[in-house]
Amino acid sequence: SRRNLSSSDSSSHDDFSPQKKKDLTSSKESTILDLIDSHVKSNRIMLYMKGSPSQPQCGFSATVVQILKSTGADFSSVNVLDYPEVREGVKKYAQWPTIPQLYVDGEFVGGCDIIQSMDSSGELKELLDAGAEEKKED
């Protein structure tokens, strides 16, 4: 007689039953989210981008870098192409599906379209200057 090798086979040892890997994934994911959280909170202006400010690897990232540089803002960045876990994690962190992502004073500001529109309206410069003034007063 042929033995059924399905997971419902009660004669099978527990070692061979399907194991859930979710615990490993979720703990790794929460470590990544904690890392992103610490970046965002310890850097006043934080940009997650493709490439680096001196060598952006996509047009949207290049646009945001150009805008930030034009404001004279000092900003930190992470190249998500070097860190696939961060690339996925940052999308979950902000619940925003695309890169680049800009954070100011620990808050998610937006991606390329939002930054362009805030730049045009002068809102971005106000946001960046406001925090810079508070820093000087400390």
N, C-alpha and C. Protein backbone atom coordinates (compact mmCIF):
# COMPACT_ATOMS: atom_id res chain seq x y z
N SER A 1 0.83 -1.19 0.00
CA SER A 1 0.00 0.00 0.00
C SER A 1 0.88 1.25 0.00
N ARG A 2 0.46 2.28 -0.72
CA ARG A 2 1.21 3.54 -0.81
C ARG A 2 0.91 4.43 0.37
N ARG A 3 1.93 5.05 0.90
CA ARG A 3 1.73 5.92 2.05
C ARG A 3 1.48 7.35 1.58
N ASN A 4 0.50 7.98 2.13
CA ASN A 4 0.16 9.35 1.78
C ASN A 4 1.13 10.29 2.50
N LEU A 5 1.81 11.17 1.76
CA LEU A 5 2.80 12.05 2.36
C LEU A 5 2.27 13.47 2.59
N SER A 6 0.99 13.61 2.72
CA SER A 6 0.44 14.95 2.96
C SER A 6 0.72 15.38 4.40
N SER A 7 0.61 16.68 4.65
CA SER A 7 0.92 17.18 5.99
C SER A 7 -0.13 16.75 7.02
N SER A 8 -1.26 16.25 6.56
CA SER A 8 -2.28 15.81 7.51
C SER A 8 -2.03 14.36 7.96
N ASP A 9 -0.97 13.76 7.43
CA ASP A 9 -0.62 12.39 7.79
C ASP A 9 -0.16 12.36 9.25
N SER A 10 -0.94 11.75 10.12
CA SER A 10 -0.65 11.79 11.55
C SER A 10 0.56 10.96 11.94
N SER A 11 1.02 10.04 11.06
CA SER A 11 2.18 9.23 11.41
C SER A 11 3.49 9.97 11.12
N SER A 12 3.40 11.15 10.52
CA SER A 12 4.57 11.94 10.20
C SER A 12 5.11 12.61 11.47
N HIS A 13 6.41 12.67 11.62
CA HIS A 13 7.03 13.31 12.79
C HIS A 13 6.87 14.83 12.70
N ASP A 14 6.75 15.49 13.85
CA ASP A 14 6.55 16.94 13.90
C ASP A 14 7.64 17.72 13.16
N ASP A 15 8.87 17.20 13.16
CA ASP A 15 9.96 17.89 12.47
C ASP A 15 9.67 18.09 10.98
N PHE A 16 8.82 17.23 10.45
CA PHE A 16 8.53 17.31 9.01
C PHE A 16 7.26 18.08 8.71
N SER A 17 6.58 18.55 9.74
CA SER A 17 5.36 19.31 9.49
C SER A 17 5.75 20.72 9.03
N PRO A 18 4.88 21.37 8.26
CA PRO A 18 5.22 22.70 7.74
C PRO A 18 5.51 23.67 8.88
N GLN A 19 6.59 24.40 8.77
CA GLN A 19 6.96 25.37 9.79
C GLN A 19 6.63 26.77 9.29
N LYS A 20 6.16 27.60 10.19
CA LYS A 20 5.88 28.99 9.81
C LYS A 20 7.15 29.80 9.98
N LYS A 21 7.54 30.51 8.94
CA LYS A 21 8.74 31.35 9.02
C LYS A 21 8.38 32.78 9.41
N LYS A 22 7.11 33.02 9.62
CA LYS A 22 6.63 34.37 9.88
C LYS A 22 7.37 35.05 11.04
N ASP A 23 7.65 34.30 12.11
CA ASP A 23 8.31 34.90 13.26
C ASP A 23 9.66 35.51 12.88
N LEU A 24 10.43 34.76 12.12
CA LEU A 24 11.73 35.24 11.69
C LEU A 24 11.56 36.50 10.83
N THR A 25 10.64 36.44 9.88
CA THR A 25 10.42 37.57 8.99
C THR A 25 9.95 38.79 9.76
N SER A 26 8.98 38.60 10.65
CA SER A 26 8.44 39.76 11.35
C SER A 26 9.46 40.37 12.31
N SER A 27 10.33 39.55 12.91
CA SER A 27 11.32 40.14 13.81
C SER A 27 12.38 40.88 13.00
N LYS A 28 12.74 40.33 11.83
CA LYS A 28 13.71 41.02 10.96
C LYS A 28 13.08 42.32 10.46
N GLU A 29 11.81 42.24 10.09
CA GLU A 29 11.10 43.42 9.60
C GLU A 29 11.02 44.49 10.68
N SER A 30 10.73 44.09 11.93
CA SER A 30 10.62 45.10 12.97
C SER A 30 12.00 45.70 13.26
N THR A 31 13.07 44.93 13.11
CA THR A 31 14.42 45.48 13.27
C THR A 31 14.69 46.54 12.21
N ILE A 32 14.29 46.26 10.97
CA ILE A 32 14.46 47.22 9.87
C ILE A 32 13.62 48.48 10.15
N LEU A 33 12.39 48.28 10.59
CA LEU A 33 11.52 49.43 10.88
C LEU A 33 12.09 50.27 12.03
N ASP A 34 12.70 49.61 13.02
CA ASP A 34 13.35 50.33 14.12
C ASP A 34 14.54 51.14 13.60
N LEU A 35 15.30 50.54 12.69
CA LEU A 35 16.45 51.22 12.09
C LEU A 35 15.98 52.47 11.35
N ILE A 36 14.94 52.32 10.54
CA ILE A 36 14.39 53.45 9.78
C ILE A 36 13.90 54.52 10.75
N ASP A 37 13.22 54.09 11.79
CA ASP A 37 12.71 55.02 12.80
C ASP A 37 13.86 55.82 13.42
N SER A 38 14.97 55.14 13.71
CA SER A 38 16.10 55.86 14.31
C SER A 38 16.74 56.82 13.31
N HIS A 39 16.81 56.44 12.02
CA HIS A 39 17.33 57.36 10.98
C HIS A 39 16.48 58.63 10.96
N VAL A 40 15.16 58.41 10.87
CA VAL A 40 14.21 59.50 10.69
C VAL A 40 14.21 60.44 11.90
N LYS A 41 14.37 59.86 13.09
CA LYS A 41 14.33 60.69 14.29
C LYS A 41 15.67 61.34 14.63
N SER A 42 16.78 60.75 14.17
CA SER A 42 18.07 61.34 14.53
C SER A 42 18.63 62.26 13.43
N ASN A 43 17.99 62.29 12.28
CA ASN A 43 18.40 63.21 11.20
C ASN A 43 17.24 64.13 10.89
N ARG A 44 17.45 65.43 11.08
CA ARG A 44 16.35 66.38 10.89
C ARG A 44 15.72 66.26 9.51
N ILE A 45 16.56 66.15 8.47
CA ILE A 45 16.05 65.99 7.10
C ILE A 45 16.65 64.69 6.56
N MET A 46 15.78 63.73 6.32
CA MET A 46 16.22 62.38 5.93
C MET A 46 15.57 62.01 4.60
N LEU A 47 16.40 61.62 3.65
CA LEU A 47 15.90 61.23 2.32
C LEU A 47 16.26 59.79 2.02
N TYR A 48 15.25 58.98 1.72
CA TYR A 48 15.48 57.63 1.22
C TYR A 48 15.36 57.75 -0.29
N MET A 49 16.43 57.34 -0.99
CA MET A 49 16.49 57.57 -2.43
C MET A 49 17.18 56.42 -3.13
N LYS A 50 17.10 56.45 -4.46
CA LYS A 50 17.85 55.50 -5.28
C LYS A 50 19.12 56.20 -5.72
N GLY A 51 20.25 55.67 -5.26
CA GLY A 51 21.53 56.30 -5.55
C GLY A 51 21.94 57.19 -4.39
N SER A 52 22.90 58.06 -4.68
CA SER A 52 23.39 58.99 -3.66
C SER A 52 23.16 60.41 -4.15
N PRO A 53 23.21 61.41 -3.25
CA PRO A 53 23.00 62.78 -3.71
C PRO A 53 23.94 63.19 -4.85
N SER A 54 25.17 62.67 -4.83
CA SER A 54 26.11 63.04 -5.90
C SER A 54 25.88 62.20 -7.16
N GLN A 55 25.24 61.03 -7.02
CA GLN A 55 24.95 60.18 -8.18
C GLN A 55 23.59 59.52 -8.05
N PRO A 56 22.52 60.29 -8.22
CA PRO A 56 21.18 59.69 -8.14
C PRO A 56 21.00 58.64 -9.24
N GLN A 57 20.27 57.56 -8.90
CA GLN A 57 20.07 56.48 -9.86
C GLN A 57 18.67 56.49 -10.48
N CYS A 58 17.88 57.50 -10.19
CA CYS A 58 16.59 57.62 -10.87
C CYS A 58 16.22 59.10 -10.94
N GLY A 59 15.42 59.43 -11.91
CA GLY A 59 15.04 60.83 -12.15
C GLY A 59 14.31 61.46 -10.98
N PHE A 60 13.44 60.68 -10.32
CA PHE A 60 12.66 61.23 -9.20
C PHE A 60 13.58 61.57 -8.03
N SER A 61 14.53 60.68 -7.74
CA SER A 61 15.49 60.94 -6.67
C SER A 61 16.34 62.15 -7.02
N ALA A 62 16.77 62.23 -8.29
CA ALA A 62 17.59 63.37 -8.74
C ALA A 62 16.84 64.68 -8.56
N THR A 63 15.56 64.68 -8.88
CA THR A 63 14.73 65.88 -8.75
C THR A 63 14.65 66.34 -7.29
N VAL A 64 14.40 65.40 -6.37
CA VAL A 64 14.27 65.76 -4.96
C VAL A 64 15.62 66.27 -4.42
N VAL A 65 16.71 65.63 -4.81
CA VAL A 65 18.05 66.08 -4.38
C VAL A 65 18.29 67.50 -4.87
N GLN A 66 17.96 67.75 -6.13
CA GLN A 66 18.17 69.08 -6.73
C GLN A 66 17.36 70.13 -5.96
N ILE A 67 16.13 69.81 -5.63
CA ILE A 67 15.27 70.74 -4.88
C ILE A 67 15.87 71.00 -3.49
N LEU A 68 16.27 69.92 -2.79
CA LEU A 68 16.85 70.09 -1.46
C LEU A 68 18.12 70.93 -1.51
N LYS A 69 18.96 70.66 -2.50
CA LYS A 69 20.20 71.44 -2.63
C LYS A 69 19.89 72.91 -2.92
N SER A 70 18.86 73.16 -3.70
CA SER A 70 18.51 74.55 -4.04
C SER A 70 18.01 75.33 -2.82
N THR A 71 17.50 74.61 -1.82
CA THR A 71 17.05 75.29 -0.60
C THR A 71 18.22 75.53 0.36
N GLY A 72 19.35 74.90 0.07
CA GLY A 72 20.51 75.02 0.95
C GLY A 72 20.41 74.14 2.19
N ALA A 73 19.42 73.25 2.19
CA ALA A 73 19.21 72.39 3.36
C ALA A 73 20.31 71.35 3.49
N ASP A 74 20.68 71.07 4.72
CA ASP A 74 21.60 70.00 5.04
C ASP A 74 20.76 68.75 5.23
N PHE A 75 21.01 67.69 4.47
CA PHE A 75 20.18 66.50 4.63
C PHE A 75 21.01 65.23 4.62
N SER A 76 20.46 64.19 5.24
CA SER A 76 21.07 62.87 5.24
C SER A 76 20.30 62.00 4.26
N SER A 77 20.97 60.96 3.75
CA SER A 77 20.26 60.08 2.81
C SER A 77 20.73 58.65 2.94
N VAL A 78 19.87 57.74 2.48
CA VAL A 78 20.20 56.32 2.40
C VAL A 78 19.90 55.88 0.98
N ASN A 79 20.86 55.18 0.36
CA ASN A 79 20.66 54.61 -0.96
C ASN A 79 19.96 53.27 -0.79
N VAL A 80 18.66 53.22 -1.09
CA VAL A 80 17.89 51.99 -0.88
C VAL A 80 18.32 50.87 -1.82
N LEU A 81 19.02 51.21 -2.90
CA LEU A 81 19.49 50.17 -3.83
C LEU A 81 20.56 49.31 -3.16
N ASP A 82 21.27 49.88 -2.18
CA ASP A 82 22.28 49.13 -1.43
C ASP A 82 21.66 48.26 -0.34
N TYR A 83 20.43 48.59 0.06
CA TYR A 83 19.79 47.90 1.18
C TYR A 83 18.36 47.52 0.83
N PRO A 84 18.18 46.36 0.18
CA PRO A 84 16.83 45.94 -0.25
C PRO A 84 15.82 45.88 0.91
N GLU A 85 16.31 45.50 2.12
CA GLU A 85 15.38 45.41 3.27
C GLU A 85 14.87 46.80 3.63
N VAL A 86 15.75 47.79 3.54
CA VAL A 86 15.35 49.17 3.86
C VAL A 86 14.40 49.67 2.77
N ARG A 87 14.69 49.29 1.53
CA ARG A 87 13.84 49.71 0.41
C ARG A 87 12.40 49.26 0.64
N GLU A 88 12.23 48.01 1.07
CA GLU A 88 10.89 47.50 1.34
C GLU A 88 10.35 48.06 2.66
N GLY A 89 11.23 48.14 3.66
CA GLY A 89 10.82 48.60 4.99
C GLY A 89 10.30 50.02 5.00
N VAL A 90 10.98 50.90 4.24
CA VAL A 90 10.60 52.31 4.25
C VAL A 90 9.21 52.50 3.64
N LYS A 91 8.85 51.63 2.70
CA LYS A 91 7.51 51.69 2.10
C LYS A 91 6.45 51.35 3.14
N LYS A 92 6.76 50.38 4.01
CA LYS A 92 5.84 50.01 5.09
C LYS A 92 5.83 51.09 6.17
N TYR A 93 7.01 51.61 6.47
CA TYR A 93 7.14 52.61 7.55
C TYR A 93 6.24 53.81 7.27
N ALA A 94 6.28 54.30 6.04
CA ALA A 94 5.49 55.49 5.69
C ALA A 94 4.13 55.13 5.11
N GLN A 95 3.94 53.86 4.85
CA GLN A 95 2.76 53.41 4.10
C GLN A 95 2.66 54.21 2.80
N TRP A 96 3.81 54.29 2.14
CA TRP A 96 3.93 55.03 0.87
C TRP A 96 4.68 54.11 -0.08
N PRO A 97 4.13 53.85 -1.28
CA PRO A 97 4.68 52.78 -2.12
C PRO A 97 5.93 53.11 -2.95
N THR A 98 6.34 54.36 -2.97
CA THR A 98 7.42 54.70 -3.89
C THR A 98 8.62 55.35 -3.18
N ILE A 99 9.73 55.34 -3.89
CA ILE A 99 10.98 55.99 -3.48
C ILE A 99 11.21 57.09 -4.51
N PRO A 100 11.69 58.27 -4.19
CA PRO A 100 12.22 58.71 -2.92
C PRO A 100 11.15 59.06 -1.90
N GLN A 101 11.60 59.10 -0.64
CA GLN A 101 10.74 59.52 0.47
C GLN A 101 11.52 60.51 1.31
N LEU A 102 10.88 61.64 1.61
CA LEU A 102 11.52 62.68 2.41
C LEU A 102 10.84 62.79 3.77
N TYR A 103 11.68 62.85 4.82
CA TYR A 103 11.20 63.03 6.19
C TYR A 103 11.83 64.29 6.74
N VAL A 104 11.03 65.09 7.43
CA VAL A 104 11.55 66.30 8.08
C VAL A 104 11.03 66.31 9.51
N ASP A 105 11.93 66.51 10.45
CA ASP A 105 11.58 66.52 11.87
C ASP A 105 10.79 65.27 12.28
N GLY A 106 11.22 64.12 11.79
CA GLY A 106 10.60 62.85 12.17
C GLY A 106 9.29 62.54 11.48
N GLU A 107 8.84 63.43 10.59
CA GLU A 107 7.55 63.24 9.90
C GLU A 107 7.77 62.98 8.42
N PHE A 108 6.97 62.06 7.87
CA PHE A 108 7.01 61.80 6.43
C PHE A 108 6.40 62.99 5.71
N VAL A 109 7.15 63.56 4.76
CA VAL A 109 6.66 64.71 4.01
C VAL A 109 6.05 64.25 2.69
N GLY A 110 6.76 63.39 1.95
CA GLY A 110 6.20 62.90 0.70
C GLY A 110 7.27 62.41 -0.26
N GLY A 111 6.80 62.11 -1.46
CA GLY A 111 7.67 61.67 -2.54
C GLY A 111 7.92 62.83 -3.50
N CYS A 112 8.39 62.50 -4.67
CA CYS A 112 8.81 63.51 -5.64
C CYS A 112 7.72 64.53 -5.99
N ASP A 113 6.52 64.06 -6.32
CA ASP A 113 5.44 64.98 -6.74
C ASP A 113 5.10 65.99 -5.64
N ILE A 114 4.99 65.48 -4.42
CA ILE A 114 4.63 66.34 -3.29
C ILE A 114 5.74 67.36 -3.03
N ILE A 115 6.98 66.90 -3.08
CA ILE A 115 8.12 67.79 -2.84
C ILE A 115 8.17 68.89 -3.92
N GLN A 116 7.93 68.49 -5.18
CA GLN A 116 7.92 69.49 -6.27
C GLN A 116 6.84 70.54 -6.03
N SER A 117 5.66 70.06 -5.65
CA SER A 117 4.55 71.00 -5.46
C SER A 117 4.81 71.90 -4.24
N MET A 118 5.38 71.33 -3.16
CA MET A 118 5.71 72.14 -1.98
C MET A 118 6.81 73.14 -2.30
N ASP A 119 7.72 72.75 -3.18
CA ASP A 119 8.81 73.64 -3.58
C ASP A 119 8.24 74.82 -4.37
N SER A 120 7.35 74.53 -5.31
CA SER A 120 6.74 75.58 -6.13
C SER A 120 5.97 76.58 -5.29
N SER A 121 5.26 76.07 -4.29
CA SER A 121 4.42 76.95 -3.47
C SER A 121 5.21 77.69 -2.39
N GLY A 122 6.47 77.30 -2.17
CA GLY A 122 7.27 77.92 -1.12
C GLY A 122 7.12 77.23 0.23
N GLU A 123 6.20 76.28 0.28
CA GLU A 123 5.90 75.57 1.52
C GLU A 123 7.11 74.76 2.02
N LEU A 124 7.86 74.17 1.09
CA LEU A 124 9.00 73.35 1.47
C LEU A 124 10.07 74.20 2.16
N LYS A 125 10.38 75.34 1.56
CA LYS A 125 11.41 76.21 2.14
C LYS A 125 10.99 76.65 3.55
N GLU A 126 9.70 76.98 3.71
CA GLU A 126 9.18 77.36 5.04
C GLU A 126 9.39 76.24 6.05
N LEU A 127 9.05 75.02 5.63
CA LEU A 127 9.18 73.85 6.51
C LEU A 127 10.65 73.64 6.89
N LEU A 128 11.54 73.70 5.90
CA LEU A 128 12.96 73.47 6.16
C LEU A 128 13.57 74.60 6.98
N ASP A 129 13.17 75.85 6.70
CA ASP A 129 13.69 77.00 7.43
C ASP A 129 13.18 77.03 8.87
N ALA A 130 11.92 76.67 9.05
CA ALA A 130 11.31 76.71 10.39
C ALA A 130 12.10 75.84 11.36
N GLY A 131 12.41 74.64 10.94
CA GLY A 131 13.17 73.74 11.81
C GLY A 131 14.58 74.22 12.02
N ALA A 132 15.18 74.82 11.02
CA ALA A 132 16.55 75.31 11.12
C ALA A 132 16.61 76.45 12.13
N GLU A 133 15.58 77.30 12.15
CA GLU A 133 15.53 78.41 13.11
C GLU A 133 15.41 77.87 14.54
N GLU A 134 14.56 76.84 14.72
CA GLU A 134 14.38 76.27 16.06
C GLU A 134 15.70 75.69 16.55
N LYS A 135 16.46 75.06 15.66
CA LYS A 135 17.75 74.47 16.03
C LYS A 135 18.71 75.55 16.54
N LYS A 136 18.71 76.71 15.87
CA LYS A 136 19.62 77.79 16.24
C LYS A 136 19.28 78.34 17.63
N GLU A 137 17.97 78.34 17.96
CA GLU A 137 17.54 78.90 19.25
C GLU A 137 17.88 77.98 20.42
N ASP A 138 18.06 76.69 20.17
CA ASP A 138 18.33 75.73 21.25
C ASP A 138 19.60 76.03 22.02
